[in-house]
Structures are given as C-alpha cells and as structure tokens.
Amino acid sequence: MDLGLKDRNVIVAAASEGIARSAAEKFAAEGARVALCSRDLAKLRPTAEAIADTGATVLFEALDVTDEAAVQQFVAQVAAKFGSVDVCITNAGGPPARMFLETTTAEWKSAVDLNLMSTIHFARAVIPHMQRNRWGRIVTITSVSVRQPVSDLIYSNTVRAGALGLLKSLSNEFGKDGITVNNVAPGYAATARLRSIINRRAAKQGISEEAFTTRLIADAALKRVGEAAEIADAILFLASDRASYITGQTLLVDGGLYKGL
C-alpha cells in the first residue's frame, strides 16, 4: 500500500528512542524528510545519524518541548529547511508514576506542561504551515489511560485525557483546512517507560519484574507486550493519505487491554 508519504516533511518529537524513534525510521523509509527533536542530544544524535545513513534527509535538534519559544523556533527552522511542515507527531515522556496522595502541586504543573502544553505549542507552530498547503496531519502519542485509567498513573490519567479534549477541538476547527488531528494510544509497549513502571510496581509488591510482567500482560487479550514498531505502524497510517477521512479519533494499539466497548 502506498501511504503517500514520499517527500512529505515530518516532525517527530521525543524521537531519540522507543515508539517515536521507530515512527521516525518508518517515515524515512517511506521517503519522507524527517525532523527529530529530544531533550537528550546524546541519544538523539545516533538515532538521527542512523536514519541519515539510509539516505533520508534528516534534521535534528535538542529541544525541551515544554518551552514554547524553542518549539516555535524549531518548527520555523524545519519549515525553512524543508519548505513546509506536513506532518507533526507530538510526543513527550510520561510523568512519574504516583498514587493520588503521593502527588505534589509542582509535579501536577510539570505534567500539564509536559503532556498537554507541549502539544499546544506544536499545534500553534505547525497549523499555519498546514493551512497554507491545505493539507496536514497532527498525530499525538498518549496512552491507553485516556480510555481506561491505569493504577498509580494519576498524572497521566488526568492530563492526557485533557489532551484528547484539545485534539477533538482542533479536529473540528481545522478540518475545513484539510488538516486531520488524531491520537494513538498505546497499551503496554516495550519501552524504557514501561520498564520503569514494572520496576516500581514489582518492588512495591515484593515480587520479581518477570513475575509482575506476567501478571501485567494477562490483562491484554493478546497476552504480550507490544513492540514499538507495531505502534509506529498505526502512527504512519494516521499520518498518511490513506487516512484522509479519519479525524478526531483515538486509535488504541493495546493488544486488547482496554475492556470497554
């Protein structure tokens, strides 16, 4: 299937590892030009160089996605080098795992900045470019927690649900401009974030990480942890020409973890 991504200009945030890195690699393989950012330049550089080695056009820069001015500058740089911005994949690391009475006001504010305001910053920066082209794709990466709250992820459960309200509003407002706005919500995927959660929960229960992982995947219909590439495939589809009549939607890529209808 031709996804229609050849020569598209794609921004992928927090792309140094995990799901976003896999998505960046797949966009490049489809012939897109990719612009990558991450707070950790030491991790981002080898990712960008590996993609560039395939012959793809790559731009990369260290970036704190909670810094509005820095996001605006990065998007302007991408548009200047590539000529436009067609696709924006918003992504940021998850806030710390906490139960409610363990939370602090400072961490709540940080979670809002990281998992809501960062998407707002990117949307403000990229939408004018997409409007000029009458074509655009914004895809966010959140979590199954937007549909089914996850124990001890109170920050994520709350703030990412707010991001869905933003995305639905953007899809309604900018659909007339040829811009679609969708969300991919992974379940348990093999990432550093999941390893951190497993470590915390296993230690709290006094069991091994292996034993806890076995319990964890028992809740999913497919009885396994997902691979980053499997979530990345869903991101590429929503960013493609093939998804031209899909907007304002959340696609769960969770192996059947969500139990609702």
Protein backbone atom coordinates (compact mmCIF):
# COMPACT_ATOMS: atom_id res chain seq x y z
CA MET A 1 0.00 0.00 0.00
CA ASP A 2 1.36 3.42 -0.99
CA LEU A 3 0.94 5.66 2.06
CA GLY A 4 1.59 8.83 0.09
CA LEU A 5 4.33 9.95 2.46
CA LYS A 6 7.15 10.30 -0.07
CA ASP A 7 8.60 13.83 0.06
CA ARG A 8 6.40 14.82 2.99
CA ASN A 9 8.02 16.91 5.71
CA VAL A 10 7.58 15.28 9.10
CA ILE A 11 8.34 16.41 12.65
CA VAL A 12 8.66 13.68 15.28
CA ALA A 13 9.03 14.85 18.88
CA ALA A 14 10.87 12.93 21.61
CA ALA A 15 12.31 10.74 18.88
CA SER A 16 15.55 9.52 20.44
CA GLU A 17 14.13 6.12 21.41
CA GLY A 18 11.07 3.95 21.71
CA ILE A 19 7.87 4.40 19.73
CA ALA A 20 8.74 7.82 18.31
CA ARG A 21 12.14 6.61 17.09
CA SER A 22 10.50 3.68 15.34
CA ALA A 23 7.99 6.04 13.74
CA ALA A 24 10.79 8.34 12.54
CA GLU A 25 12.59 5.38 10.97
CA LYS A 26 9.42 4.28 9.20
CA PHE A 27 8.66 7.77 7.88
CA ALA A 28 12.17 7.94 6.46
CA ALA A 29 11.75 4.51 4.86
CA GLU A 30 8.62 5.84 3.13
CA GLY A 31 10.68 8.63 1.57
CA ALA A 32 9.71 11.45 3.93
CA ARG A 33 12.07 14.13 5.19
CA VAL A 34 12.21 13.88 8.98
CA ALA A 35 12.96 16.45 11.67
CA LEU A 36 13.68 14.96 15.08
CA CYS A 37 13.91 16.53 18.50
CA SER A 38 14.60 15.32 22.02
CA ARG A 39 15.92 16.79 25.24
CA ASP A 40 18.76 14.26 25.23
CA LEU A 41 21.10 15.14 22.35
CA ALA A 42 23.44 12.26 23.24
CA LYS A 43 20.62 9.79 22.49
CA LEU A 44 19.14 11.75 19.61
CA ARG A 45 22.31 12.13 17.56
CA PRO A 46 22.93 8.39 16.91
CA THR A 47 19.24 7.96 16.06
CA ALA A 48 19.39 10.79 13.52
CA GLU A 49 22.70 9.57 12.09
CA ALA A 50 21.38 6.02 11.69
CA ILE A 51 18.37 7.32 9.77
CA ALA A 52 20.55 9.62 7.65
CA ASP A 53 22.75 6.64 6.77
CA THR A 54 19.77 5.15 4.92
CA GLY A 55 19.85 8.11 2.54
CA ALA A 56 16.98 10.01 4.15
CA THR A 57 17.03 13.76 4.69
CA VAL A 58 17.22 14.38 8.45
CA LEU A 59 17.27 17.45 10.67
CA PHE A 60 17.71 17.05 14.41
CA GLU A 61 17.98 19.33 17.42
CA ALA A 62 17.94 19.15 21.20
CA LEU A 63 14.63 20.58 22.37
CA ASP A 64 12.58 20.91 25.52
CA VAL A 65 9.01 20.53 24.25
CA THR A 66 7.67 22.46 27.26
CA ASP A 67 9.50 25.59 26.04
CA GLU A 68 7.06 27.38 23.73
CA ALA A 69 9.63 29.73 22.20
CA ALA A 70 12.02 26.86 21.50
CA VAL A 71 9.25 24.83 19.83
CA GLN A 72 8.32 27.80 17.64
CA GLN A 73 11.95 28.26 16.65
CA PHE A 74 12.39 24.56 15.86
CA VAL A 75 9.29 24.45 13.66
CA ALA A 76 10.41 27.61 11.85
CA GLN A 77 13.80 26.01 11.23
CA VAL A 78 12.18 22.87 9.82
CA ALA A 79 9.93 24.90 7.53
CA ALA A 80 12.89 26.98 6.33
CA LYS A 81 14.98 23.90 5.50
CA PHE A 82 12.28 21.59 4.15
CA GLY A 83 9.95 24.20 2.65
CA SER A 84 6.90 23.31 4.73
CA VAL A 85 5.61 21.16 7.59
CA ASP A 86 3.16 18.45 6.55
CA VAL A 87 3.06 16.06 9.49
CA CYS A 88 3.65 16.63 13.20
CA ILE A 89 3.91 13.74 15.66
CA THR A 90 3.65 15.14 19.18
CA ASN A 91 5.11 13.08 21.96
CA ALA A 92 6.71 13.51 25.38
CA GLY A 93 7.88 11.28 28.17
CA GLY A 94 5.27 10.29 30.70
CA PRO A 95 5.05 11.95 34.12
CA PRO A 96 6.16 9.97 37.18
CA ALA A 97 4.04 7.11 38.48
CA ARG A 98 2.16 8.16 41.62
CA MET A 99 -0.93 7.38 43.64
CA PHE A 100 -3.04 10.48 44.30
CA LEU A 101 -1.88 11.18 47.86
CA GLU A 102 1.73 10.95 46.70
CA THR A 103 1.27 13.79 44.21
CA THR A 104 2.56 17.33 44.58
CA THR A 105 1.44 20.63 43.08
CA ALA A 106 4.81 21.05 41.38
CA GLU A 107 4.53 17.64 39.71
CA TRP A 108 0.96 18.39 38.60
CA LYS A 109 2.15 21.57 36.89
CA SER A 110 5.06 19.71 35.30
CA ALA A 111 2.72 17.01 33.98
CA VAL A 112 0.45 19.63 32.41
CA ASP A 113 3.43 21.31 30.75
CA LEU A 114 4.85 18.02 29.50
CA ASN A 115 1.77 16.19 28.28
CA LEU A 116 -0.68 18.97 27.39
CA MET A 117 1.07 22.28 26.83
CA SER A 118 3.74 20.66 24.64
CA THR A 119 1.03 19.57 22.19
CA ILE A 120 -0.47 23.05 22.29
CA HIS A 121 2.95 24.56 21.50
CA PHE A 122 3.45 22.31 18.48
CA ALA A 123 -0.10 22.80 17.21
CA ARG A 124 0.24 26.58 17.33
CA ALA A 125 3.51 26.38 15.44
CA VAL A 126 2.61 23.90 12.69
CA ILE A 127 -1.03 24.64 11.88
CA PRO A 128 -0.33 27.88 9.93
CA HIS A 129 2.07 25.96 7.65
CA MET A 130 -0.52 23.24 7.11
CA GLN A 131 -3.25 25.79 6.40
CA ARG A 132 -1.17 27.32 3.63
CA ASN A 133 -0.82 23.90 1.98
CA ARG A 134 -4.45 22.91 2.66
CA TRP A 135 -3.07 19.59 3.94
CA GLY A 136 -1.75 18.47 7.27
CA ARG A 137 -1.58 15.67 9.80
CA ILE A 138 -1.19 16.01 13.56
CA VAL A 139 -0.89 12.73 15.45
CA THR A 140 -0.30 12.58 19.18
CA ILE A 141 1.08 9.66 21.14
CA THR A 142 -0.65 9.27 24.50
CA SER A 143 -1.67 6.12 26.39
CA VAL A 144 -4.48 3.64 26.87
CA SER A 145 -5.05 5.60 30.09
CA VAL A 146 -7.13 8.10 28.09
CA ARG A 147 -9.78 5.38 27.86
CA GLN A 148 -9.06 3.23 30.90
CA PRO A 149 -7.21 4.79 33.86
CA VAL A 150 -4.10 2.91 34.94
CA SER A 151 -3.36 2.32 38.61
CA ASP A 152 -0.68 4.68 40.03
CA LEU A 153 -0.55 6.80 36.85
CA ILE A 154 -2.80 9.56 38.20
CA TYR A 155 -0.94 12.33 36.35
CA SER A 156 -1.14 10.55 33.00
CA ASN A 157 -4.75 9.50 33.54
CA THR A 158 -5.77 13.11 34.11
CA VAL A 159 -3.59 15.24 31.86
CA ARG A 160 -3.64 13.01 28.78
CA ALA A 161 -7.45 12.96 28.95
CA GLY A 162 -7.29 16.75 28.73
CA ALA A 163 -5.14 16.44 25.62
CA LEU A 164 -7.97 14.47 23.99
CA GLY A 165 -10.31 17.40 24.51
CA LEU A 166 -7.76 19.62 22.78
CA LEU A 167 -7.35 17.22 19.85
CA LYS A 168 -11.08 16.84 19.28
CA SER A 169 -11.44 20.62 19.31
CA LEU A 170 -8.58 21.07 16.83
CA SER A 171 -10.04 18.43 14.51
CA ASN A 172 -13.38 20.28 14.47
CA GLU A 173 -11.82 23.70 13.92
CA PHE A 174 -9.25 22.87 11.25
CA GLY A 175 -10.85 20.07 9.28
CA LYS A 176 -12.00 22.68 6.75
CA ASP A 177 -8.31 23.38 6.07
CA GLY A 178 -7.52 19.79 5.13
CA ILE A 179 -5.88 19.09 8.49
CA THR A 180 -6.64 15.89 10.39
CA VAL A 181 -5.88 15.50 14.09
CA ASN A 182 -5.77 12.05 15.66
CA ASN A 183 -4.33 10.22 18.63
CA VAL A 184 -2.58 6.88 19.03
CA ALA A 185 -2.96 5.36 22.48
CA PRO A 186 -0.54 2.50 23.18
CA GLY A 187 -1.07 -0.09 25.86
CA TYR A 188 1.95 -1.85 27.34
CA ALA A 189 4.76 -1.39 24.83
CA ALA A 190 8.37 -2.48 25.16
CA THR A 191 9.86 0.91 26.07
CA ALA A 192 12.04 2.39 28.80
CA ARG A 193 8.89 3.92 30.29
CA LEU A 194 7.27 0.52 30.73
CA ARG A 195 10.44 -0.91 32.27
CA SER A 196 10.39 1.91 34.84
CA ILE A 197 6.74 1.23 35.71
CA ILE A 198 7.36 -2.51 36.04
CA ASN A 199 10.35 -1.89 38.28
CA ARG A 200 8.33 0.38 40.59
CA ARG A 201 5.30 -1.86 40.84
CA ALA A 202 7.28 -5.08 41.25
CA ALA A 203 9.34 -3.56 44.06
CA LYS A 204 6.18 -2.28 45.76
CA GLN A 205 4.64 -5.75 45.66
CA GLY A 206 7.84 -7.53 46.62
CA ILE A 207 7.95 -9.74 43.54
CA SER A 208 10.34 -10.09 40.61
CA GLU A 209 9.98 -7.96 37.49
CA GLU A 210 9.41 -11.14 35.48
CA ALA A 211 6.56 -12.23 37.73
CA PHE A 212 4.97 -8.81 37.60
CA THR A 213 5.26 -8.65 33.82
CA THR A 214 3.46 -11.99 33.56
CA ARG A 215 0.60 -10.56 35.63
CA LEU A 216 0.58 -7.37 33.59
CA ILE A 217 0.21 -8.97 30.17
CA ALA A 218 -2.51 -11.30 31.46
CA ASP A 219 -4.89 -8.31 31.23
CA ALA A 220 -4.34 -7.95 27.48
CA ALA A 221 -6.23 -10.15 25.02
CA LEU A 222 -3.03 -10.90 23.10
CA LYS A 223 -1.15 -11.81 26.31
CA ARG A 224 2.04 -10.00 25.38
CA VAL A 225 3.77 -6.65 25.44
CA GLY A 226 3.57 -4.70 22.19
CA GLU A 227 6.58 -3.73 20.10
CA ALA A 228 7.40 -0.10 19.36
CA ALA A 229 7.20 -0.84 15.64
CA GLU A 230 3.61 -2.04 15.98
CA ILE A 231 2.53 1.29 17.46
CA ALA A 232 4.61 3.16 14.89
CA ASP A 233 2.70 1.45 12.06
CA ALA A 234 -0.55 2.91 13.40
CA ILE A 235 1.03 6.38 13.59
CA LEU A 236 2.15 6.20 9.96
CA PHE A 237 -1.29 5.12 8.81
CA LEU A 238 -2.99 8.07 10.51
CA ALA A 239 -0.38 10.43 9.03
CA SER A 240 -0.87 9.07 5.53
CA ASP A 241 -3.10 9.80 2.54
CA ARG A 242 -4.88 6.53 3.28
CA ALA A 243 -6.38 8.03 6.47
CA SER A 244 -7.74 11.13 4.73
CA TYR A 245 -11.29 10.68 6.12
CA ILE A 246 -10.29 9.96 9.73
CA THR A 247 -10.03 12.81 12.21
CA GLY A 248 -10.73 13.50 15.85
CA GLN A 249 -10.19 9.84 16.72
CA THR A 250 -8.19 7.84 19.23
CA LEU A 251 -6.76 4.58 17.93
CA LEU A 252 -5.98 2.14 20.72
CA VAL A 253 -2.95 -0.02 19.95
CA ASP A 254 -3.06 -2.02 23.15
CA GLY A 255 -3.31 -5.71 22.35
CA GLY A 256 -6.85 -5.76 23.70
CA LEU A 257 -6.02 -4.27 27.09
CA TYR A 258 -8.97 -1.86 27.07
CA LYS A 259 -12.08 -3.66 28.30
CA GLY A 260 -14.78 -1.23 27.18
CA LEU A 261 -16.91 -1.42 24.07
